[in-house]
Amino acid sequence: MKIGIIGATGMAGSAFVIEGYQRGHQVTAITRSASKVTRMFGNEIPALERQNFELTREDLTQFDVIVVASTFSRASDHPRFAEYLHDQLAGTDAPIVVFVVGSSTLQMPDGSVMADRLGLMRGQAPWIEVAIEQAAELNYLKTVDDFAWMAISPQQAFMPGPATPTYLKSDDALIFNNRQESRVTTGTLANPTHVHGRFTAADKF
């Protein structure tokens, strides 16, 4: 399988690079800096050097799967980039585009969604803007079905680490393990399953 990782040098993106490579897939880092990819992964991982909003339909359709794990200097670019990729890929069945969206879009145990509360806190911290815009990104994706997309969300605690042998999964809810922890490692999250939907996982122990 040919997999392109947008944002390959970040915490989530690098986990997808490593997981894909270890599983024997052909992994390409789609990046603004090919030299940074070489510094991180050596010569094992080829790089496609592009700015995000310069990616073309031809660039994208050479892959079976695209993972979008980018961070943006402007939070509003999260939904804007989802729209851009939709424009490039509308009417295609491949690649499947996997968007990494924040845990603020998951349901709390009381049924509320954290992102809905954050509107009252807008402007207080950069992460709040990112959370709100990633919620907008997911809401936009839910309105389109003419390209193959899926979204994955980490849990409240998202940390580097290998995949755990057992994990809990859900579509839209925060998950708590038997220690009442809502946590997931990057390795566990690098195994998504839902096209035209959202997937989340939590480490069981």
Foldseek 3Di string as FASTA:
>chain_A
DEEEEEACPDQLNVLLVVLCVVVPYQYEYEECDQVSVCVVPNPSHHYNHDDLLVDALVNFQVGQEYEYPDDDPQLLVLLVSLVSVCVRFFQDADNEYEYEAEQQQAAEPVRDGNLVVLVVVPPVDPVNSNNVNSNVNLVVLLVDDRYKYEYEYAAPAEEADAADPDKAKDFGHQDAAPVRDRGGYSNNRSDDDDISGYMYIGHND
